[in-house]
C-alpha atoms as a PDB file:
ATOM      1  CA  MET A   1    -187.490 -25.041 -66.225  1.00  0.00           C
ATOM      2  CA  SER A   2    -188.982 -26.245 -69.528  1.00  0.00           C
ATOM      3  CA  THR A   3    -187.601 -29.130 -71.507  1.00  0.00           C
ATOM      4  CA  SER A   4    -187.384 -28.969 -75.306  1.00  0.00           C
ATOM      5  CA  ILE A   5    -186.508 -31.708 -77.759  1.00  0.00           C
ATOM      6  CA  MET A   6    -185.761 -29.087 -80.439  1.00  0.00           C
ATOM      7  CA  THR A   7    -183.157 -27.085 -78.524  1.00  0.00           C
ATOM      8  CA  ASN A   8    -180.843 -28.802 -76.023  1.00  0.00           C
ATOM      9  CA  SER A   9    -179.264 -25.834 -74.244  1.00  0.00           C
ATOM     10  CA  ALA A  10    -177.270 -28.002 -71.867  1.00  0.00           C
ATOM     11  CA  ALA A  11    -175.714 -29.969 -74.733  1.00  0.00           C
ATOM     12  CA  MET A  12    -174.894 -26.758 -76.601  1.00  0.00           C
ATOM     13  CA  SER A  13    -173.228 -25.310 -73.500  1.00  0.00           C
ATOM     14  CA  ALA A  14    -171.256 -28.512 -72.882  1.00  0.00           C
ATOM     15  CA  LEU A  15    -170.202 -28.634 -76.539  1.00  0.00           C
ATOM     16  CA  GLN A  16    -168.980 -25.038 -76.454  1.00  0.00           C
ATOM     17  CA  THR A  17    -166.940 -25.740 -73.330  1.00  0.00           C
ATOM     18  CA  LEU A  18    -165.456 -28.872 -74.930  1.00  0.00           C
ATOM     19  CA  ARG A  19    -164.471 -26.926 -78.047  1.00  0.00           C
ATOM     20  CA  GLY A  20    -162.634 -24.364 -75.912  1.00  0.00           C
ATOM     21  CA  ILE A  21    -160.787 -27.144 -74.088  1.00  0.00           C
ATOM     22  CA  ASN A  22    -159.823 -28.789 -77.402  1.00  0.00           C
ATOM     23  CA  ASP A  23    -158.498 -25.459 -78.737  1.00  0.00           C
ATOM     24  CA  GLN A  24    -156.337 -25.043 -75.638  1.00  0.00           C
ATOM     25  CA  MET A  25    -155.088 -28.618 -76.011  1.00  0.00           C
ATOM     26  CA  ASP A  26    -154.114 -27.979 -79.636  1.00  0.00           C
ATOM     27  CA  SER A  27    -152.201 -24.877 -78.596  1.00  0.00           C
ATOM     28  CA  THR A  28    -150.447 -26.714 -75.747  1.00  0.00           C
ATOM     29  CA  GLN A  29    -149.549 -29.695 -77.937  1.00  0.00           C
ATOM     30  CA  ASN A  30    -148.141 -27.370 -80.600  1.00  0.00           C
ATOM     31  CA  ALA A  31    -146.006 -25.645 -77.957  1.00  0.00           C
ATOM     32  CA  ILE A  32    -144.696 -29.003 -76.731  1.00  0.00           C
ATOM     33  CA  SER A  33    -143.928 -30.331 -80.204  1.00  0.00           C
ATOM     34  CA  SER A  34    -142.302 -27.122 -81.524  1.00  0.00           C
ATOM     35  CA  GLY A  35    -140.710 -25.905 -78.299  1.00  0.00           C
ATOM     36  CA  TYR A  36    -142.204 -22.435 -78.848  1.00  0.00           C
ATOM     37  CA  ARG A  37    -145.118 -20.773 -77.116  1.00  0.00           C
ATOM     38  CA  VAL A  38    -144.899 -18.064 -79.812  1.00  0.00           C
ATOM     39  CA  ALA A  39    -144.254 -19.973 -83.027  1.00  0.00           C
ATOM     40  CA  SER A  40    -145.996 -17.606 -85.434  1.00  0.00           C
ATOM     41  CA  ALA A  41    -147.260 -14.034 -85.606  1.00  0.00           C
ATOM     42  CA  SER A  42    -150.780 -15.215 -84.781  1.00  0.00           C
ATOM     43  CA  ASP A  43    -149.587 -16.423 -81.352  1.00  0.00           C
ATOM     44  CA  ASN A  44    -148.255 -13.016 -80.294  1.00  0.00           C
ATOM     45  CA  ALA A  45    -147.508 -10.512 -83.041  1.00  0.00           C
ATOM     46  CA  ALA A  46    -145.313  -8.212 -80.915  1.00  0.00           C
ATOM     47  CA  TYR A  47    -143.101 -10.940 -79.457  1.00  0.00           C
ATOM     48  CA  TRP A  48    -142.862 -12.768 -82.792  1.00  0.00           C
ATOM     49  CA  SER A  49    -141.740  -9.548 -84.530  1.00  0.00           C
ATOM     50  CA  ILE A  50    -139.060  -8.829 -81.910  1.00  0.00           C
ATOM     51  CA  ALA A  51    -137.790 -12.411 -81.942  1.00  0.00           C
ATOM     52  CA  THR A  52    -137.624 -12.538 -85.753  1.00  0.00           C
ATOM     53  CA  THR A  53    -135.625  -9.283 -85.890  1.00  0.00           C
ATOM     54  CA  MET A  54    -133.214 -10.381 -83.167  1.00  0.00           C
ATOM     55  CA  ARG A  55    -132.680 -13.775 -84.805  1.00  0.00           C
ATOM     56  CA  SER A  56    -131.691 -11.922 -87.964  1.00  0.00           C
ATOM     57  CA  ASP A  57    -129.284  -9.730 -85.987  1.00  0.00           C
ATOM     58  CA  ASN A  58    -127.786 -12.806 -84.342  1.00  0.00           C
ATOM     59  CA  LYS A  59    -127.058 -14.286 -87.776  1.00  0.00           C
ATOM     60  CA  ALA A  60    -125.322 -11.041 -88.713  1.00  0.00           C
ATOM     61  CA  LEU A  61    -123.271 -11.216 -85.510  1.00  0.00           C
ATOM     62  CA  SER A  62    -122.289 -14.777 -86.412  1.00  0.00           C
ATOM     63  CA  THR A  63    -120.878 -13.444 -89.679  1.00  0.00           C
ATOM     64  CA  VAL A  64    -119.056 -10.700 -87.742  1.00  0.00           C
ATOM     65  CA  SER A  65    -117.507 -13.388 -85.546  1.00  0.00           C
ATOM     66  CA  ASP A  66    -116.247 -15.195 -88.666  1.00  0.00           C
ATOM     67  CA  ALA A  67    -114.832 -11.920 -90.009  1.00  0.00           C
ATOM     68  CA  LEU A  68    -113.053 -11.272 -86.714  1.00  0.00           C
ATOM     69  CA  GLY A  69    -111.526 -14.736 -86.925  1.00  0.00           C
ATOM     70  CA  LEU A  70    -110.180 -13.905 -90.376  1.00  0.00           C
ATOM     71  CA  ALA A  71    -108.861 -10.559 -89.137  1.00  0.00           C
ATOM     72  CA  ALA A  72    -107.142 -12.261 -86.208  1.00  0.00           C
ATOM     73  CA  ALA A  73    -105.468 -14.720 -88.589  1.00  0.00           C
ATOM     74  CA  LYS A  74    -104.155 -11.857 -90.735  1.00  0.00           C
ATOM     75  CA  THR A  75    -102.805  -9.863 -87.815  1.00  0.00           C
ATOM     76  CA  ASP A  76    -101.301 -12.976 -86.231  1.00  0.00           C
ATOM     77  CA  THR A  77     -99.509 -13.799 -89.479  1.00  0.00           C
ATOM     78  CA  ALA A  78     -98.144 -10.275 -89.891  1.00  0.00           C
ATOM     79  CA  TYR A  79     -97.077 -10.090 -86.241  1.00  0.00           C
ATOM     80  CA  THR A  80     -95.308 -13.444 -86.430  1.00  0.00           C
ATOM     81  CA  GLY A  81     -93.399 -12.258 -89.499  1.00  0.00           C
ATOM     82  CA  LEU A  82     -92.469  -8.977 -87.829  1.00  0.00           C
ATOM     83  CA  ASP A  83     -91.376 -10.680 -84.623  1.00  0.00           C
ATOM     84  CA  SER A  84     -89.171 -13.088 -86.569  1.00  0.00           C
ATOM     85  CA  SER A  85     -87.727 -10.221 -88.626  1.00  0.00           C
ATOM     86  CA  ILE A  86     -86.910  -8.257 -85.475  1.00  0.00           C
ATOM     87  CA  SER A  87     -84.861 -11.215 -84.251  1.00  0.00           C
ATOM     88  CA  VAL A  88     -82.941 -11.255 -87.545  1.00  0.00           C
ATOM     89  CA  ILE A  89     -82.346  -7.491 -87.371  1.00  0.00           C
ATOM     90  CA  GLU A  90     -80.983  -7.900 -83.862  1.00  0.00           C
ATOM     91  CA  GLU A  91     -78.581 -10.520 -85.210  1.00  0.00           C
ATOM     92  CA  ILE A  92     -77.478  -8.182 -88.022  1.00  0.00           C
ATOM     93  CA  LYS A  93     -76.858  -5.432 -85.483  1.00  0.00           C
ATOM     94  CA  SER A  94     -74.738  -7.847 -83.456  1.00  0.00           C
ATOM     95  CA  LYS A  95     -72.698  -8.808 -86.532  1.00  0.00           C
ATOM     96  CA  LEU A  96     -72.007  -5.159 -87.345  1.00  0.00           C
ATOM     97  CA  VAL A  97     -70.857  -4.523 -83.795  1.00  0.00           C
ATOM     98  CA  ALA A  98     -68.507  -7.515 -84.147  1.00  0.00           C
ATOM     99  CA  ALA A  99     -67.185  -6.041 -87.413  1.00  0.00           C
ATOM    100  CA  ARG A 100     -66.097  -2.949 -85.484  1.00  0.00           C
ATOM    101  CA  GLU A 101     -63.536  -5.065 -83.657  1.00  0.00           C
ATOM    102  CA  PRO A 102     -60.024  -4.489 -85.058  1.00  0.00           C
ATOM    103  CA  GLY A 103     -58.571  -7.399 -87.020  1.00  0.00           C
ATOM    104  CA  VAL A 104     -61.920  -9.086 -87.750  1.00  0.00           C
ATOM    105  CA  ASP A 105     -62.403 -10.565 -91.246  1.00  0.00           C
ATOM    106  CA  LYS A 106     -65.146  -8.265 -92.533  1.00  0.00           C
ATOM    107  CA  THR A 107     -65.746 -10.266 -95.707  1.00  0.00           C
ATOM    108  CA  LYS A 108     -66.745 -13.312 -93.685  1.00  0.00           C
ATOM    109  CA  ILE A 109     -69.109 -11.220 -91.584  1.00  0.00           C
ATOM    110  CA  ASN A 110     -70.558  -9.798 -94.813  1.00  0.00           C
ATOM    111  CA  SER A 111     -71.283 -13.349 -96.008  1.00  0.00           C
ATOM    112  CA  GLU A 112     -73.297 -13.839 -92.822  1.00  0.00           C
ATOM    113  CA  LEU A 113     -75.065 -10.530 -93.417  1.00  0.00           C
ATOM    114  CA  ASP A 114     -76.049 -11.668 -96.912  1.00  0.00           C
ATOM    115  CA  GLU A 115     -77.669 -14.801 -95.494  1.00  0.00           C
ATOM    116  CA  LEU A 116     -79.497 -12.799 -92.856  1.00  0.00           C
ATOM    117  CA  LYS A 117     -80.772 -10.364 -95.512  1.00  0.00           C
ATOM    118  CA  SER A 118     -82.036 -13.305 -97.579  1.00  0.00           C
ATOM    119  CA  GLN A 119     -83.798 -14.583 -94.467  1.00  0.00           C
ATOM    120  CA  LEU A 120     -85.516 -11.206 -94.013  1.00  0.00           C
ATOM    121  CA  THR A 121     -86.776 -11.271 -97.600  1.00  0.00           C
ATOM    122  CA  SER A 122     -87.961 -14.862 -97.197  1.00  0.00           C
ATOM    123  CA  VAL A 123     -89.834 -14.083 -93.990  1.00  0.00           C
ATOM    124  CA  SER A 124     -91.456 -11.027 -95.561  1.00  0.00           C
ATOM    125  CA  LYS A 125     -92.661 -12.998 -98.596  1.00  0.00           C
ATOM    126  CA  SER A 126     -93.971 -15.844 -96.457  1.00  0.00           C
ATOM    127  CA  ALA A 127     -96.048 -13.681 -94.099  1.00  0.00           C
ATOM    128  CA  SER A 128     -99.164 -13.984 -96.255  1.00  0.00           C
ATOM    129  CA  PHE A 129    -102.680 -15.077 -95.333  1.00  0.00           C
ATOM    130  CA  SER A 130    -105.703 -15.241 -97.618  1.00  0.00           C
ATOM    131  CA  GLY A 131    -103.807 -13.431-100.348  1.00  0.00           C
ATOM    132  CA  GLU A 132    -102.805 -10.486 -98.144  1.00  0.00           C
ATOM    133  CA  ASN A 133     -99.240  -9.693 -97.152  1.00  0.00           C
ATOM    134  CA  TRP A 134     -98.601  -6.727 -94.883  1.00  0.00           C
ATOM    135  CA  LEU A 135     -94.803  -7.144 -94.843  1.00  0.00           C
ATOM    136  CA  TYR A 136     -93.952  -7.534 -98.535  1.00  0.00           C
ATOM    137  CA  ASN A 137     -95.326  -5.363-101.337  1.00  0.00           C
ATOM    138  CA  SER A 138     -94.772  -5.953-105.044  1.00  0.00           C
ATOM    139  CA  SER A 139     -97.688  -3.819-106.239  1.00  0.00           C
ATOM    140  CA  THR A 140     -97.361  -0.388-107.784  1.00  0.00           C
ATOM    141  CA  THR A 141     -99.971   0.734-105.249  1.00  0.00           C
ATOM    142  CA  ALA A 142     -98.727   1.455-101.767  1.00  0.00           C
ATOM    143  CA  THR A 143     -99.966  -0.739 -98.938  1.00  0.00           C
ATOM    144  CA  GLY A 144    -102.501   1.425 -97.117  1.00  0.00           C
ATOM    145  CA  THR A 145    -104.927   1.128 -94.241  1.00  0.00           C
ATOM    146  CA  LYS A 146    -106.513  -2.284 -93.819  1.00  0.00           C
ATOM    147  CA  GLU A 147    -110.106  -2.393 -92.579  1.00  0.00           C
ATOM    148  CA  MET A 148    -111.618  -5.402 -90.830  1.00  0.00           C
ATOM    149  CA  VAL A 149    -115.277  -5.935 -89.889  1.00  0.00           C
ATOM    150  CA  GLY A 150    -115.557  -5.430 -86.142  1.00  0.00           C
ATOM    151  CA  SER A 151    -119.237  -5.224 -85.158  1.00  0.00           C
ATOM    152  CA  PHE A 152    -122.881  -5.009 -86.234  1.00  0.00           C
ATOM    153  CA  THR A 153    -125.202  -2.626 -84.407  1.00  0.00           C
ATOM    154  CA  ARG A 154    -128.865  -1.573 -84.455  1.00  0.00           C
ATOM    155  CA  ASP A 155    -129.757   1.802 -82.925  1.00  0.00           C
ATOM    156  CA  SER A 156    -132.967   2.919 -81.195  1.00  0.00           C
ATOM    157  CA  THR A 157    -134.518   3.962 -84.532  1.00  0.00           C
ATOM    158  CA  GLY A 158    -133.967   0.523 -86.055  1.00  0.00           C
ATOM    159  CA  SER A 159    -131.131   1.624 -88.360  1.00  0.00           C
ATOM    160  CA  VAL A 160    -128.294  -0.865 -88.701  1.00  0.00           C
ATOM    161  CA  SER A 161    -124.602  -0.254 -89.341  1.00  0.00           C
ATOM    162  CA  VAL A 162    -121.322  -2.145 -89.570  1.00  0.00           C
ATOM    163  CA  GLN A 163    -118.253  -0.854 -87.702  1.00  0.00           C
ATOM    164  CA  THR A 164    -114.712  -1.711 -88.736  1.00  0.00           C
ATOM    165  CA  LEU A 165    -111.294  -1.975 -87.138  1.00  0.00           C
ATOM    166  CA  SER A 166    -108.403  -0.423 -89.028  1.00  0.00           C
ATOM    167  CA  TYR A 167    -104.623  -0.843 -89.166  1.00  0.00           C
ATOM    168  CA  ASP A 168    -102.156   1.214 -91.197  1.00  0.00           C
ATOM    169  CA  ALA A 169    -100.202  -1.613 -92.835  1.00  0.00           C
ATOM    170  CA  SER A 170     -97.798   0.803 -94.519  1.00  0.00           C
ATOM    171  CA  ALA A 171     -95.853   0.924 -91.237  1.00  0.00           C
ATOM    172  CA  SER A 172     -95.246  -2.836 -91.272  1.00  0.00           C
ATOM    173  CA  VAL A 173     -94.045  -3.189 -94.890  1.00  0.00           C
ATOM    174  CA  LEU A 174     -90.432  -4.360 -94.749  1.00  0.00           C
ATOM    175  CA  VAL A 175     -89.666  -4.902 -98.436  1.00  0.00           C
ATOM    176  CA  ASP A 176     -91.183  -3.024-101.390  1.00  0.00           C
ATOM    177  CA  THR A 177     -90.074  -4.093-104.852  1.00  0.00           C
ATOM    178  CA  GLN A 178     -91.699  -1.118-106.597  1.00  0.00           C
ATOM    179  CA  ASP A 179     -90.701   1.829-104.451  1.00  0.00           C
ATOM    180  CA  ALA A 180     -87.846   1.267-102.019  1.00  0.00           C
ATOM    181  CA  SER A 181     -88.920   4.263 -99.906  1.00  0.00           C
ATOM    182  CA  ARG A 182     -92.080   2.379 -98.822  1.00  0.00           C
ATOM    183  CA  GLY A 183     -90.198  -0.490 -97.129  1.00  0.00           C
ATOM    184  CA  GLN A 184     -88.622  -0.345 -93.686  1.00  0.00           C
ATOM    185  CA  LEU A 185     -85.620  -2.363 -94.888  1.00  0.00           C
ATOM    186  CA  THR A 186     -85.379  -1.035 -98.447  1.00  0.00           C
ATOM    187  CA  LYS A 187     -85.712   2.707 -97.786  1.00  0.00           C
ATOM    188  CA  ASP A 188     -82.942   5.171 -96.957  1.00  0.00           C
ATOM    189  CA  VAL A 189     -82.331   5.769 -93.276  1.00  0.00           C
ATOM    190  CA  GLY A 190     -80.461   8.924 -92.389  1.00  0.00           C
ATOM    191  CA  VAL A 191     -77.865   8.920 -89.593  1.00  0.00           C
ATOM    192  CA  SER A 192     -75.067  11.080 -88.258  1.00  0.00           C
ATOM    193  CA  GLN A 193     -71.601   9.561 -88.106  1.00  0.00           C
ATOM    194  CA  SER A 194     -68.142  10.822 -87.319  1.00  0.00           C
ATOM    195  CA  GLN A 195     -65.608  11.643 -90.016  1.00  0.00           C
ATOM    196  CA  THR A 196     -62.215  10.035 -90.311  1.00  0.00           C
ATOM    197  CA  GLY A 197     -59.507  12.131 -88.729  1.00  0.00           C
ATOM    198  CA  THR A 198     -61.880  14.720 -87.238  1.00  0.00           C
ATOM    199  CA  THR A 199     -64.259  15.124 -84.327  1.00  0.00           C
ATOM    200  CA  SER A 200     -67.041  16.592 -86.462  1.00  0.00           C
ATOM    201  CA  MET A 201     -70.139  14.664 -87.576  1.00  0.00           C
ATOM    202  CA  THR A 202     -71.460  14.123 -91.057  1.00  0.00           C
ATOM    203  CA  SER A 203     -74.774  12.893 -92.448  1.00  0.00           C
ATOM    204  CA  ALA A 204     -75.073   9.539 -94.220  1.00  0.00           C
ATOM    205  CA  THR A 205     -77.914   7.351 -95.500  1.00  0.00           C
ATOM    206  CA  TYR A 206     -78.062   3.565 -95.540  1.00  0.00           C
ATOM    207  CA  TYR A 207     -80.521   0.853 -96.537  1.00  0.00           C
ATOM    208  CA  LEU A 208     -80.391  -2.810 -95.605  1.00  0.00           C
ATOM    209  CA  VAL A 209     -82.054  -4.892 -98.327  1.00  0.00           C
ATOM    210  CA  ASN A 210     -81.573  -4.387-102.044  1.00  0.00           C
ATOM    211  CA  ALA A 211     -84.856  -5.639-103.535  1.00  0.00           C
ATOM    212  CA  SER A 212     -84.041  -4.288-107.029  1.00  0.00           C
ATOM    213  CA  SER A 213     -86.964  -1.923-106.617  1.00  0.00           C
ATOM    214  CA  THR A 214     -88.204   0.018-109.629  1.00  0.00           C
ATOM    215  CA  THR A 215     -87.543   3.180-107.642  1.00  0.00           C
ATOM    216  CA  SER A 216     -84.381   2.329-105.745  1.00  0.00           C
ATOM    217  CA  ALA A 217     -82.881   3.855-102.633  1.00  0.00           C
ATOM    218  CA  ALA A 218     -80.246   6.586-103.060  1.00  0.00           C
ATOM    219  CA  GLY A 219     -78.100   5.747-100.049  1.00  0.00           C
ATOM    220  CA  SER A 220     -75.485   3.075 -99.465  1.00  0.00           C
ATOM    221  CA  GLU A 221     -76.331  -0.564 -98.897  1.00  0.00           C
ATOM    222  CA  ILE A 222     -75.322  -1.976 -95.553  1.00  0.00           C
ATOM    223  CA  LYS A 223     -72.540  -4.367 -96.531  1.00  0.00           C
ATOM    224  CA  LEU A 224     -68.941  -4.862 -95.544  1.00  0.00           C
ATOM    225  CA  THR A 225     -65.721  -5.011 -97.468  1.00  0.00           C
ATOM    226  CA  THR A 226     -62.136  -5.111 -96.289  1.00  0.00           C
ATOM    227  CA  GLY A 227     -61.992  -1.361 -96.832  1.00  0.00           C
ATOM    228  CA  THR A 228     -65.129  -0.405 -94.891  1.00  0.00           C
ATOM    229  CA  SER A 229     -64.116   2.213 -92.316  1.00  0.00           C
ATOM    230  CA  ASP A 230     -64.985   2.064 -88.667  1.00  0.00           C
ATOM    231  CA  HIS A 231     -66.953   5.318 -89.033  1.00  0.00           C
ATOM    232  CA  ASN A 232     -69.109   3.785 -91.761  1.00  0.00           C
ATOM    233  CA  ILE A 233     -69.691   0.671 -89.662  1.00  0.00           C
ATOM    234  CA  GLU A 234     -70.841   2.859 -86.775  1.00  0.00           C
ATOM    235  CA  GLY A 235     -73.194   4.667 -89.161  1.00  0.00           C
ATOM    236  CA  MET A 236     -74.550   1.296 -90.340  1.00  0.00           C
ATOM    237  CA  ILE A 237     -75.129   0.239 -86.745  1.00  0.00           C
ATOM    238  CA  SER A 238     -77.080   3.458 -86.109  1.00  0.00           C
ATOM    239  CA  ALA A 239     -79.170   2.896 -89.258  1.00  0.00           C
ATOM    240  CA  VAL A 240     -79.973  -0.706 -88.300  1.00  0.00           C
ATOM    241  CA  ASP A 241     -80.896   0.447 -84.802  1.00  0.00           C
ATOM    242  CA  LYS A 242     -83.372   2.960 -86.273  1.00  0.00           C
ATOM    243  CA  MET A 243     -84.861   0.212 -88.458  1.00  0.00           C
ATOM    244  CA  LEU A 244     -85.201  -1.962 -85.365  1.00  0.00           C
ATOM    245  CA  THR A 245     -86.992   0.849 -83.510  1.00  0.00           C
ATOM    246  CA  ASN A 246     -89.426   1.405 -86.386  1.00  0.00           C
ATOM    247  CA  MET A 247     -90.158  -2.315 -86.686  1.00  0.00           C
ATOM    248  CA  THR A 248     -90.690  -2.592 -82.936  1.00  0.00           C
ATOM    249  CA  ASP A 249     -93.203   0.274 -83.053  1.00  0.00           C
ATOM    250  CA  ALA A 250     -95.041  -1.403 -85.956  1.00  0.00           C
ATOM    251  CA  ALA A 251     -95.135  -4.724 -84.089  1.00  0.00           C
ATOM    252  CA  ALA A 252     -96.475  -2.982 -80.964  1.00  0.00           C
ATOM    253  CA  LYS A 253     -99.295  -1.355 -82.932  1.00  0.00           C
ATOM    254  CA  LEU A 254    -100.085  -4.647 -84.644  1.00  0.00           C
ATOM    255  CA  GLY A 255    -100.149  -6.400 -81.271  1.00  0.00           C
ATOM    256  CA  ALA A 256    -102.569  -3.781 -79.929  1.00  0.00           C
ATOM    257  CA  VAL A 257    -104.893  -4.300 -82.911  1.00  0.00           C
ATOM    258  CA  ASN A 258    -104.690  -8.062 -82.428  1.00  0.00           C
ATOM    259  CA  SER A 259    -105.607  -7.662 -78.759  1.00  0.00           C
ATOM    260  CA  ARG A 260    -108.564  -5.443 -79.721  1.00  0.00           C
ATOM    261  CA  ILE A 261    -109.760  -8.062 -82.211  1.00  0.00           C
ATOM    262  CA  SER A 262    -109.571 -10.757 -79.541  1.00  0.00           C
ATOM    263  CA  MET A 263    -111.579  -8.666 -77.053  1.00  0.00           C
ATOM    264  CA  GLN A 264    -114.161  -7.797 -79.708  1.00  0.00           C
ATOM    265  CA  ASP A 265    -114.501 -11.456 -80.683  1.00  0.00           C
ATOM    266  CA  ASN A 266    -115.183 -12.409 -77.048  1.00  0.00           C
ATOM    267  CA  PHE A 267    -117.725  -9.593 -76.754  1.00  0.00           C
ATOM    268  CA  VAL A 268    -119.557 -10.624 -79.932  1.00  0.00           C
ATOM    269  CA  SER A 269    -119.679 -14.225 -78.725  1.00  0.00           C
ATOM    270  CA  ASN A 270    -121.121 -13.174 -75.354  1.00  0.00           C
ATOM    271  CA  LEU A 271    -123.561 -10.804 -77.061  1.00  0.00           C
ATOM    272  CA  GLN A 272    -124.875 -13.644 -79.246  1.00  0.00           C
ATOM    273  CA  ASP A 273    -125.507 -15.738 -76.129  1.00  0.00           C
ATOM    274  CA  VAL A 274    -127.335 -12.880 -74.384  1.00  0.00           C
ATOM    275  CA  ILE A 275    -129.509 -12.158 -77.429  1.00  0.00           C
ATOM    276  CA  GLY A 276    -130.304 -15.860 -77.739  1.00  0.00           C
ATOM    277  CA  LYS A 277    -131.396 -15.959 -74.098  1.00  0.00           C
ATOM    278  CA  GLY A 278    -133.534 -12.860 -74.612  1.00  0.00           C
ATOM    279  CA  ILE A 279    -135.280 -14.422 -77.587  1.00  0.00           C
ATOM    280  CA  GLY A 280    -135.882 -17.577 -75.562  1.00  0.00           C
ATOM    281  CA  ARG A 281    -137.563 -15.649 -72.763  1.00  0.00           C
ATOM    282  CA  LEU A 282    -139.985 -14.150 -75.277  1.00  0.00           C
ATOM    283  CA  VAL A 283    -140.965 -17.135 -77.386  1.00  0.00           C
ATOM    284  CA  ASP A 284    -139.726 -20.418 -75.873  1.00  0.00           C
ATOM    285  CA  ALA A 285    -142.221 -22.727 -74.203  1.00  0.00           C
ATOM    286  CA  ASP A 286    -141.771 -23.702 -70.549  1.00  0.00           C
ATOM    287  CA  MET A 287    -141.961 -27.494 -70.849  1.00  0.00           C
ATOM    288  CA  ASN A 288    -142.732 -28.003 -67.154  1.00  0.00           C
ATOM    289  CA  GLN A 289    -145.623 -25.574 -67.362  1.00  0.00           C
ATOM    290  CA  GLU A 290    -146.912 -26.932 -70.681  1.00  0.00           C
ATOM    291  CA  SER A 291    -146.757 -30.537 -69.426  1.00  0.00           C
ATOM    292  CA  THR A 292    -148.758 -29.651 -66.311  1.00  0.00           C
ATOM    293  CA  LYS A 293    -151.226 -27.685 -68.417  1.00  0.00           C
ATOM    294  CA  LEU A 294    -151.669 -30.629 -70.817  1.00  0.00           C
ATOM    295  CA  LYS A 295    -152.486 -32.992 -67.933  1.00  0.00           C
ATOM    296  CA  ALA A 296    -155.110 -30.569 -66.609  1.00  0.00           C
ATOM    297  CA  LEU A 297    -156.650 -30.085 -70.063  1.00  0.00           C
ATOM    298  CA  GLN A 298    -156.854 -33.824 -70.615  1.00  0.00           C
ATOM    299  CA  THR A 299    -158.806 -34.151 -67.354  1.00  0.00           C
ATOM    300  CA  GLN A 300    -161.055 -31.229 -68.349  1.00  0.00           C
ATOM    301  CA  GLN A 301    -161.601 -32.826 -71.759  1.00  0.00           C
ATOM    302  CA  GLN A 302    -162.751 -36.091 -70.186  1.00  0.00           C
ATOM    303  CA  LEU A 303    -165.118 -34.216 -67.883  1.00  0.00           C
ATOM    304  CA  GLY A 304    -166.423 -32.173 -70.834  1.00  0.00           C
ATOM    305  CA  ILE A 305    -167.140 -35.314 -72.823  1.00  0.00           C
ATOM    306  CA  GLN A 306    -168.948 -36.742 -69.800  1.00  0.00           C
ATOM    307  CA  ALA A 307    -170.992 -33.547 -69.394  1.00  0.00           C
ATOM    308  CA  LEU A 308    -171.935 -33.573 -73.093  1.00  0.00           C
ATOM    309  CA  SER A 309    -172.995 -37.209 -72.814  1.00  0.00           C
ATOM    310  CA  ILE A 310    -175.219 -36.380 -69.842  1.00  0.00           C
ATOM    311  CA  ALA A 311    -176.751 -33.387 -71.635  1.00  0.00           C
ATOM    312  CA  ASN A 312    -177.546 -35.488 -74.709  1.00  0.00           C
ATOM    313  CA  SER A 313    -179.206 -38.186 -72.580  1.00  0.00           C
ATOM    314  CA  ASN A 314    -181.724 -35.651 -71.260  1.00  0.00           C
ATOM    315  CA  SER A 315    -183.573 -35.611 -74.593  1.00  0.00           C
ATOM    316  CA  GLN A 316    -183.870 -39.372 -74.546  1.00  0.00           C
ATOM    317  CA  ASN A 317    -185.305 -39.242 -71.009  1.00  0.00           C
ATOM    318  CA  VAL A 318    -188.268 -37.269 -72.384  1.00  0.00           C
ATOM    319  CA  LEU A 319    -189.410 -40.428 -74.221  1.00  0.00           C
ATOM    320  CA  SER A 320    -190.111 -42.155 -70.905  1.00  0.00           C
ATOM    321  CA  LEU A 321    -192.900 -39.635 -70.300  1.00  0.00           C
ATOM    322  CA  PHE A 322    -194.838 -41.068 -73.244  1.00  0.00           C
ATOM    323  CA  ARG A 323    -194.644 -44.711 -72.308  1.00  0.00           C
END
């Protein structure tokens, strides 16, 4: 094998090996300092692209979770108001049954009814969250279907969409100051009641709360005087019972929506965790592996430096031939 002082092949080979080791060390140190084995597109374009897209989707899901929290607060508020109102309606029904008893002072019972009606109006007005009230309406526009953000999805083609949960709040409106027919307590409720002195039945309509609506109810307000007949009281009891049934149905539907929101919120939270784990598997660095790799590269680097030093000393050894 010839020896040349112009071209040191051994040194060039050792230098190339050392450069490769240094490049690997830079990559390993970057992974350790950043925590990512795929920190940029140049590390792995496919994995980086997937991780970037899924991080974006996870942020969207975080917003969905916030929206579900707001929706839960609204439904909780409306349900609490309805539940409280149902208790008051039950009390009104009890008072009317007591008024059917012969010899009872109906005017005193009516005073109690007035207070209970005021309580219903107060509860309806108070059941508001974030500017929305599903029990009390003072707008000329009817309370319609309420939509709440429920989920964010991406299909197999990459198209994204937002799904919503809906609730028909018109069923839970108790008092409407514009149109009495839109409120469970302000609208006319038709019943059949017996007629005085006969066994035949007649139709009658009653409403419970007089909200001075622009479009008022046409029936009779549920209130007692000394001259209120037993037949009318029985008709009032039937009307209140129908109101109670309607309110119970509305509360049941609202409770079902609230339960759906709670389940969806748990699902979104779990989905965020799963997506986060998936992203980690693609791009996160394994610190145990990277630490072991760094130790090995440091040893290789020292050996490479030693090999380069030996290769460079070969040229100097040629001088001894000329002494």
